C-alpha atoms as a PDB file:
ATOM      1  CA  UNK A   1       1.767  -6.484   9.509  1.00  0.00           C
ATOM      2  CA  UNK A   2       0.260  -4.176  11.446  1.00  0.00           C
ATOM      3  CA  UNK A   3       1.417  -1.238   8.585  1.00  0.00           C
ATOM      4  CA  UNK A   4       0.321  -3.434   6.121  1.00  0.00           C
ATOM      5  CA  UNK A   5      -2.771  -3.139   7.911  1.00  0.00           C
ATOM      6  CA  UNK A   6      -3.148   0.413   8.126  1.00  0.00           C
ATOM      7  CA  UNK A   7      -2.220   0.301   4.380  1.00  0.00           C
ATOM      8  CA  UNK A   8      -4.630  -1.722   2.594  1.00  0.00           C
ATOM      9  CA  UNK A   9      -7.635   0.036   4.839  1.00  0.00           C
ATOM     10  CA  UNK A  10      -6.363   3.438   3.986  1.00  0.00           C
ATOM     11  CA  UNK A  11      -6.108   2.244  -0.335  1.00  0.00           C
ATOM     12  CA  UNK A  12      -9.958   1.134   0.310  1.00  0.00           C
ATOM     13  CA  UNK A  13     -10.767   4.420   1.714  1.00  0.00           C
ATOM     14  CA  UNK A  14      -9.074   6.212  -1.477  1.00  0.00           C
ATOM     15  CA  UNK A  15     -10.736   3.432  -4.260  1.00  0.00           C
ATOM     16  CA  UNK A  16     -14.174   3.988  -2.800  1.00  0.00           C
ATOM     17  CA  UNK A  17     -13.624   7.681  -3.282  1.00  0.00           C
ATOM     18  CA  UNK A  18     -11.621   7.451  -6.822  1.00  0.00           C
ATOM     19  CA  UNK A  19      -9.062   8.671  -5.671  1.00  0.00           C
ATOM     20  CA  UNK A  20      -5.025   8.935  -5.940  1.00  0.00           C
ATOM     21  CA  UNK A  21      -2.278   7.395  -4.274  1.00  0.00           C
ATOM     22  CA  UNK A  22       0.304   9.515  -3.691  1.00  0.00           C
ATOM     23  CA  UNK A  23       3.384   7.639  -2.558  1.00  0.00           C
ATOM     24  CA  UNK A  24       4.182  10.921  -0.163  1.00  0.00           C
ATOM     25  CA  UNK A  25       1.201  10.351   1.137  1.00  0.00           C
ATOM     26  CA  UNK A  26       1.882   7.116   2.055  1.00  0.00           C
ATOM     27  CA  UNK A  27       5.192   7.672   3.866  1.00  0.00           C
ATOM     28  CA  UNK A  28       3.979  10.857   5.494  1.00  0.00           C
ATOM     29  CA  UNK A  29       0.728   8.581   6.325  1.00  0.00           C
ATOM     30  CA  UNK A  30       1.408   5.849   7.258  1.00  0.00           C
ATOM     31  CA  UNK A  31       4.832   5.241   7.545  1.00  0.00           C
ATOM     32  CA  UNK A  32       5.383   8.525   9.463  1.00  0.00           C
ATOM     33  CA  UNK A  33       9.012   7.680  11.143  1.00  0.00           C
ATOM     34  CA  UNK A  34       9.665   4.660   9.001  1.00  0.00           C
ATOM     35  CA  UNK A  35       9.666   6.106   5.838  1.00  0.00           C
ATOM     36  CA  UNK A  36      12.715   3.402   4.229  1.00  0.00           C
ATOM     37  CA  UNK A  37      10.383   0.431   4.811  1.00  0.00           C
ATOM     38  CA  UNK A  38       8.380   1.199   2.389  1.00  0.00           C
ATOM     39  CA  UNK A  39       9.660  -1.338  -0.019  1.00  0.00           C
ATOM     40  CA  UNK A  40       8.463  -4.202   2.271  1.00  0.00           C
ATOM     41  CA  UNK A  41       5.432  -2.247   4.230  1.00  0.00           C
ATOM     42  CA  UNK A  42       4.477  -2.100   0.093  1.00  0.00           C
ATOM     43  CA  UNK A  43       5.367  -5.855  -0.578  1.00  0.00           C
ATOM     44  CA  UNK A  44       3.264  -6.948   2.029  1.00  0.00           C
ATOM     45  CA  UNK A  45       0.212  -4.877   1.591  1.00  0.00           C
ATOM     46  CA  UNK A  46      -0.062  -6.181  -2.008  1.00  0.00           C
ATOM     47  CA  UNK A  47       0.407  -9.884  -0.859  1.00  0.00           C
ATOM     48  CA  UNK A  48      -2.698  -8.687   0.989  1.00  0.00           C
ATOM     49  CA  UNK A  49      -5.240  -7.509  -1.221  1.00  0.00           C
ATOM     50  CA  UNK A  50      -4.012 -10.103  -3.725  1.00  0.00           C
ATOM     51  CA  UNK A  51      -5.087 -13.287  -1.118  1.00  0.00           C
ATOM     52  CA  UNK A  52      -7.881 -11.841   0.981  1.00  0.00           C
ATOM     53  CA  UNK A  53      -9.865  -9.474  -1.456  1.00  0.00           C
ATOM     54  CA  UNK A  54      -7.889  -9.729  -4.724  1.00  0.00           C
ATOM     55  CA  UNK A  55      -6.471  -6.989  -6.032  1.00  0.00           C
ATOM     56  CA  UNK A  56      -3.917  -5.041  -6.739  1.00  0.00           C
ATOM     57  CA  UNK A  57      -1.996  -1.348  -6.489  1.00  0.00           C
ATOM     58  CA  UNK A  58      -0.835  -0.899  -9.697  1.00  0.00           C
ATOM     59  CA  UNK A  59       1.674   2.054 -10.053  1.00  0.00           C
ATOM     60  CA  UNK A  60       0.072   4.988 -12.418  1.00  0.00           C
ATOM     61  CA  UNK A  61       2.438   5.890 -16.125  1.00  0.00           C
ATOM     62  CA  UNK A  62       3.322   9.884 -15.972  1.00  0.00           C
ATOM     63  CA  UNK A  63       1.091  12.205 -18.242  1.00  0.00           C
ATOM     64  CA  UNK A  64       1.168  12.299 -21.658  1.00  0.00           C
ATOM     65  CA  UNK A  65       1.105  15.195 -24.284  1.00  0.00           C
ATOM     66  CA  UNK A  66      -1.422  16.511 -25.793  1.00  0.00           C
ATOM     67  CA  UNK A  67      -1.511  15.237 -29.279  1.00  0.00           C
ATOM     68  CA  UNK A  68       0.296  12.435 -28.317  1.00  0.00           C
ATOM     69  CA  UNK A  69      -1.497   8.529 -29.223  1.00  0.00           C
ATOM     70  CA  UNK A  70      -3.303   6.883 -26.343  1.00  0.00           C
ATOM     71  CA  UNK A  71      -0.466   3.904 -24.800  1.00  0.00           C
ATOM     72  CA  UNK A  72      -1.852   1.003 -22.768  1.00  0.00           C
ATOM     73  CA  UNK A  73       0.011   1.110 -18.715  1.00  0.00           C
ATOM     74  CA  UNK A  74       2.492  -1.139 -19.546  1.00  0.00           C
ATOM     75  CA  UNK A  75       3.884   1.367 -23.245  1.00  0.00           C
ATOM     76  CA  UNK A  76       3.608   4.106 -20.736  1.00  0.00           C
ATOM     77  CA  UNK A  77       5.331   3.045 -18.213  1.00  0.00           C
ATOM     78  CA  UNK A  78       7.948   1.712 -19.968  1.00  0.00           C
ATOM     79  CA  UNK A  79       8.450   5.014 -22.111  1.00  0.00           C
ATOM     80  CA  UNK A  80       7.904   7.585 -19.706  1.00  0.00           C
ATOM     81  CA  UNK A  81       8.315   5.653 -16.012  1.00  0.00           C
ATOM     82  CA  UNK A  82       5.731   6.523 -13.881  1.00  0.00           C
ATOM     83  CA  UNK A  83       3.856   9.373 -11.918  1.00  0.00           C
ATOM     84  CA  UNK A  84       4.981   7.395  -7.848  1.00  0.00           C
ATOM     85  CA  UNK A  85       1.236   7.529  -7.727  1.00  0.00           C
ATOM     86  CA  UNK A  86      -1.164   4.285  -7.449  1.00  0.00           C
ATOM     87  CA  UNK A  87      -4.640   2.919  -7.492  1.00  0.00           C
ATOM     88  CA  UNK A  88      -6.056  -0.554  -6.781  1.00  0.00           C
ATOM     89  CA  UNK A  89      -7.388  -2.692  -9.017  1.00  0.00           C
ATOM     90  CA  UNK A  90      -9.896  -5.513  -9.188  1.00  0.00           C
ATOM     91  CA  UNK A  91      -6.814  -8.357 -10.122  1.00  0.00           C
ATOM     92  CA  UNK A  92      -9.676 -11.909 -10.495  1.00  0.00           C
ATOM     93  CA  UNK A  93     -11.537 -10.550 -14.402  1.00  0.00           C
ATOM     94  CA  UNK A  94      -9.682  -9.202 -17.161  1.00  0.00           C
ATOM     95  CA  UNK A  95     -12.521  -8.330 -18.864  1.00  0.00           C
ATOM     96  CA  UNK A  96     -15.739  -6.038 -17.481  1.00  0.00           C
ATOM     97  CA  UNK A  97     -17.823  -8.446 -15.822  1.00  0.00           C
ATOM     98  CA  UNK A  98     -21.882  -6.579 -16.292  1.00  0.00           C
ATOM     99  CA  UNK A  99     -23.459  -8.275 -13.748  1.00  0.00           C
ATOM    100  CA  UNK A 100     -21.965  -7.151 -11.488  1.00  0.00           C
ATOM    101  CA  UNK A 101     -22.101  -3.565 -12.192  1.00  0.00           C
ATOM    102  CA  UNK A 102     -25.632  -3.987 -13.050  1.00  0.00           C
ATOM    103  CA  UNK A 103     -25.623  -4.531  -9.521  1.00  0.00           C
ATOM    104  CA  UNK A 104     -24.414  -0.897  -8.232  1.00  0.00           C
ATOM    105  CA  UNK A 105     -26.004   1.611  -6.423  1.00  0.00           C
ATOM    106  CA  UNK A 106     -28.542   3.537  -9.557  1.00  0.00           C
ATOM    107  CA  UNK A 107     -25.868   6.661  -9.322  1.00  0.00           C
ATOM    108  CA  UNK A 108     -23.370   4.564  -9.910  1.00  0.00           C
ATOM    109  CA  UNK A 109     -24.091   2.623 -12.992  1.00  0.00           C
ATOM    110  CA  UNK A 110     -24.575   5.789 -14.601  1.00  0.00           C
ATOM    111  CA  UNK A 111     -21.845   7.018 -13.776  1.00  0.00           C
ATOM    112  CA  UNK A 112     -19.680   3.747 -15.244  1.00  0.00           C
ATOM    113  CA  UNK A 113     -22.615   3.055 -18.094  1.00  0.00           C
ATOM    114  CA  UNK A 114     -21.436   6.699 -18.282  1.00  0.00           C
ATOM    115  CA  UNK A 115     -17.954   6.957 -18.695  1.00  0.00           C
ATOM    116  CA  UNK A 116     -17.293   4.044 -20.651  1.00  0.00           C
ATOM    117  CA  UNK A 117     -19.656   5.322 -22.949  1.00  0.00           C
ATOM    118  CA  UNK A 118     -17.512   7.874 -23.113  1.00  0.00           C
ATOM    119  CA  UNK A 119     -14.310   6.092 -23.294  1.00  0.00           C
ATOM    120  CA  UNK A 120     -14.945   4.432 -26.621  1.00  0.00           C
ATOM    121  CA  UNK A 121     -16.082   7.035 -28.455  1.00  0.00           C
ATOM    122  CA  UNK A 122     -12.859   9.031 -28.056  1.00  0.00           C
ATOM    123  CA  UNK A 123     -11.094   5.120 -28.434  1.00  0.00           C
ATOM    124  CA  UNK A 124     -12.526   5.309 -32.238  1.00  0.00           C
ATOM    125  CA  UNK A 125     -12.102   8.405 -32.276  1.00  0.00           C
ATOM    126  CA  UNK A 126      -8.857   8.401 -33.229  1.00  0.00           C
ATOM    127  CA  UNK A 127      -8.258   8.357 -29.293  1.00  0.00           C
ATOM    128  CA  UNK A 128      -8.869  11.753 -29.289  1.00  0.00           C
ATOM    129  CA  UNK A 129     -11.914  13.702 -29.421  1.00  0.00           C
ATOM    130  CA  UNK A 130     -12.423  17.444 -28.295  1.00  0.00           C
ATOM    131  CA  UNK A 131     -15.829  18.429 -25.743  1.00  0.00           C
ATOM    132  CA  UNK A 132     -18.833  19.701 -28.467  1.00  0.00           C
ATOM    133  CA  UNK A 133     -17.984  16.390 -31.088  1.00  0.00           C
ATOM    134  CA  UNK A 134     -18.138  14.481 -27.656  1.00  0.00           C
ATOM    135  CA  UNK A 135     -21.467  15.698 -26.010  1.00  0.00           C
ATOM    136  CA  UNK A 136     -23.329  15.715 -29.541  1.00  0.00           C
ATOM    137  CA  UNK A 137     -22.076  12.495 -30.205  1.00  0.00           C
ATOM    138  CA  UNK A 138     -23.585  11.907 -26.748  1.00  0.00           C
ATOM    139  CA  UNK A 139     -26.504  13.118 -27.818  1.00  0.00           C
ATOM    140  CA  UNK A 140     -26.594  11.029 -30.282  1.00  0.00           C
ATOM    141  CA  UNK A 141     -26.706   7.566 -28.639  1.00  0.00           C
ATOM    142  CA  UNK A 142     -29.722   9.298 -26.556  1.00  0.00           C
ATOM    143  CA  UNK A 143     -27.684  10.614 -23.480  1.00  0.00           C
ATOM    144  CA  UNK A 144     -29.055  13.206 -23.496  1.00  0.00           C
ATOM    145  CA  UNK A 145     -33.605  12.182 -22.810  1.00  0.00           C
ATOM    146  CA  UNK A 146     -32.070  11.189 -18.724  1.00  0.00           C
ATOM    147  CA  UNK A 147     -29.163  14.035 -18.308  1.00  0.00           C
ATOM    148  CA  UNK A 148     -29.128  17.425 -18.932  1.00  0.00           C
ATOM    149  CA  UNK A 149     -26.052  19.627 -20.770  1.00  0.00           C
ATOM    150  CA  UNK A 150     -24.806  19.904 -17.544  1.00  0.00           C
ATOM    151  CA  UNK A 151     -25.154  17.106 -15.598  1.00  0.00           C
ATOM    152  CA  UNK A 152     -22.798  15.624 -18.863  1.00  0.00           C
ATOM    153  CA  UNK A 153     -19.601  18.358 -18.477  1.00  0.00           C
ATOM    154  CA  UNK A 154     -20.705  17.640 -14.532  1.00  0.00           C
ATOM    155  CA  UNK A 155     -19.339  13.748 -15.096  1.00  0.00           C
ATOM    156  CA  UNK A 156     -17.016  14.440 -17.914  1.00  0.00           C
ATOM    157  CA  UNK A 157     -15.364  16.976 -15.051  1.00  0.00           C
ATOM    158  CA  UNK A 158     -15.768  14.353 -12.076  1.00  0.00           C
ATOM    159  CA  UNK A 159     -13.791  11.609 -14.910  1.00  0.00           C
ATOM    160  CA  UNK A 160     -10.916  14.218 -15.343  1.00  0.00           C
ATOM    161  CA  UNK A 161     -10.822  14.686 -11.531  1.00  0.00           C
ATOM    162  CA  UNK A 162     -10.724  10.758 -11.160  1.00  0.00           C
ATOM    163  CA  UNK A 163      -8.067  10.363 -13.967  1.00  0.00           C
ATOM    164  CA  UNK A 164     -10.420   9.039 -16.139  1.00  0.00           C
ATOM    165  CA  UNK A 165      -9.774  11.219 -18.644  1.00  0.00           C
ATOM    166  CA  UNK A 166      -7.318  13.628 -19.586  1.00  0.00           C
ATOM    167  CA  UNK A 167      -8.575  17.394 -20.385  1.00  0.00           C
ATOM    168  CA  UNK A 168      -6.500  19.619 -22.647  1.00  0.00           C
ATOM    169  CA  UNK A 169      -7.209  22.768 -24.729  1.00  0.00           C
ATOM    170  CA  UNK A 170      -6.169  23.206 -28.239  1.00  0.00           C
ATOM    171  CA  UNK A 171      -6.260  26.698 -30.510  1.00  0.00           C
ATOM    172  CA  UNK A 172      -8.524  25.965 -33.861  1.00  0.00           C
ATOM    173  CA  UNK A 173      -8.650  29.008 -35.906  1.00  0.00           C
ATOM    174  CA  UNK A 174     -11.917  29.489 -38.052  1.00  0.00           C
ATOM    175  CA  UNK A 175     -12.898  32.149 -39.831  1.00  0.00           C
ATOM    176  CA  UNK A 176      -9.196  34.484 -39.238  1.00  0.00           C
ATOM    177  CA  UNK A 177     -10.439  34.705 -36.028  1.00  0.00           C
ATOM    178  CA  UNK A 178      -8.930  31.970 -32.703  1.00  0.00           C
ATOM    179  CA  UNK A 179     -11.639  29.226 -30.910  1.00  0.00           C
ATOM    180  CA  UNK A 180     -10.014  27.379 -27.777  1.00  0.00           C
ATOM    181  CA  UNK A 181     -12.035  23.684 -27.375  1.00  0.00           C
ATOM    182  CA  UNK A 182     -11.736  21.005 -25.167  1.00  0.00           C
ATOM    183  CA  UNK A 183     -10.456  17.824 -25.688  1.00  0.00           C
ATOM    184  CA  UNK A 184     -10.556  14.565 -24.537  1.00  0.00           C
ATOM    185  CA  UNK A 185      -8.095  11.218 -24.471  1.00  0.00           C
ATOM    186  CA  UNK A 186      -7.879   8.462 -22.272  1.00  0.00           C
ATOM    187  CA  UNK A 187      -6.059   9.381 -18.860  1.00  0.00           C
ATOM    188  CA  UNK A 188      -3.229   6.926 -16.518  1.00  0.00           C
ATOM    189  CA  UNK A 189      -6.439   5.727 -14.893  1.00  0.00           C
ATOM    190  CA  UNK A 190      -8.556   4.044 -17.250  1.00  0.00           C
ATOM    191  CA  UNK A 191      -5.365   3.252 -18.984  1.00  0.00           C
ATOM    192  CA  UNK A 192      -4.317   1.307 -15.570  1.00  0.00           C
ATOM    193  CA  UNK A 193      -7.750  -0.220 -14.661  1.00  0.00           C
ATOM    194  CA  UNK A 194      -9.434  -1.104 -18.502  1.00  0.00           C
ATOM    195  CA  UNK A 195      -8.716  -2.322 -21.668  1.00  0.00           C
ATOM    196  CA  UNK A 196      -9.706  -1.425 -25.428  1.00  0.00           C
ATOM    197  CA  UNK A 197     -10.902  -5.466 -26.761  1.00  0.00           C
ATOM    198  CA  UNK A 198     -12.684  -5.890 -22.719  1.00  0.00           C
ATOM    199  CA  UNK A 199     -14.189  -2.003 -23.696  1.00  0.00           C
ATOM    200  CA  UNK A 200     -15.264  -3.308 -26.769  1.00  0.00           C
ATOM    201  CA  UNK A 201     -16.372  -6.287 -25.389  1.00  0.00           C
ATOM    202  CA  UNK A 202     -18.874  -4.285 -22.603  1.00  0.00           C
ATOM    203  CA  UNK A 203     -20.467  -1.712 -24.592  1.00  0.00           C
ATOM    204  CA  UNK A 204     -20.951  -4.889 -27.418  1.00  0.00           C
ATOM    205  CA  UNK A 205     -22.239  -6.851 -24.516  1.00  0.00           C
ATOM    206  CA  UNK A 206     -25.398  -4.073 -23.783  1.00  0.00           C
ATOM    207  CA  UNK A 207     -25.399  -2.732 -27.200  1.00  0.00           C
END
């Protein structure tokens, strides 16, 4: 039980930083000399999280190759296996709760707002969007009035680091010259935490 409580605290701390939880880290930091007890401790941890906090550890799918259609977490897990990495998700609500998000701090509210707009733009553009087109689209919806382009790029870098986006480099030939540009797709955290329908409903509710 003590190990399960330790893992609960560790999971909550990682979620605050939006840091994925690696299975190897659980063994080293929590289980230490008892690595074979992983399944038992993990099961007890899930029970505590669900009964006490309405949360659950979800295993992330493996990253897809650039250019592949973005899949839901369930599809990716079935076809490609998992990454032995977990994130903490809320299991109480199936859709986005606008009220709870708007009660976040100003910085967090801005971050979530930009994130959901970015994910929606990627979704409606065949689930893959170049950085140039993404910045132009964000400018059209008025985000550059409150955020500079550099601040938007910094946010995109953060979303990639947190696993909400996957960024890949694509070569584009124009006038005989090869140009490399960044392309964005939904990342494993976005697929695990969000649904296409829920995202569309959220964007509609605040527009």
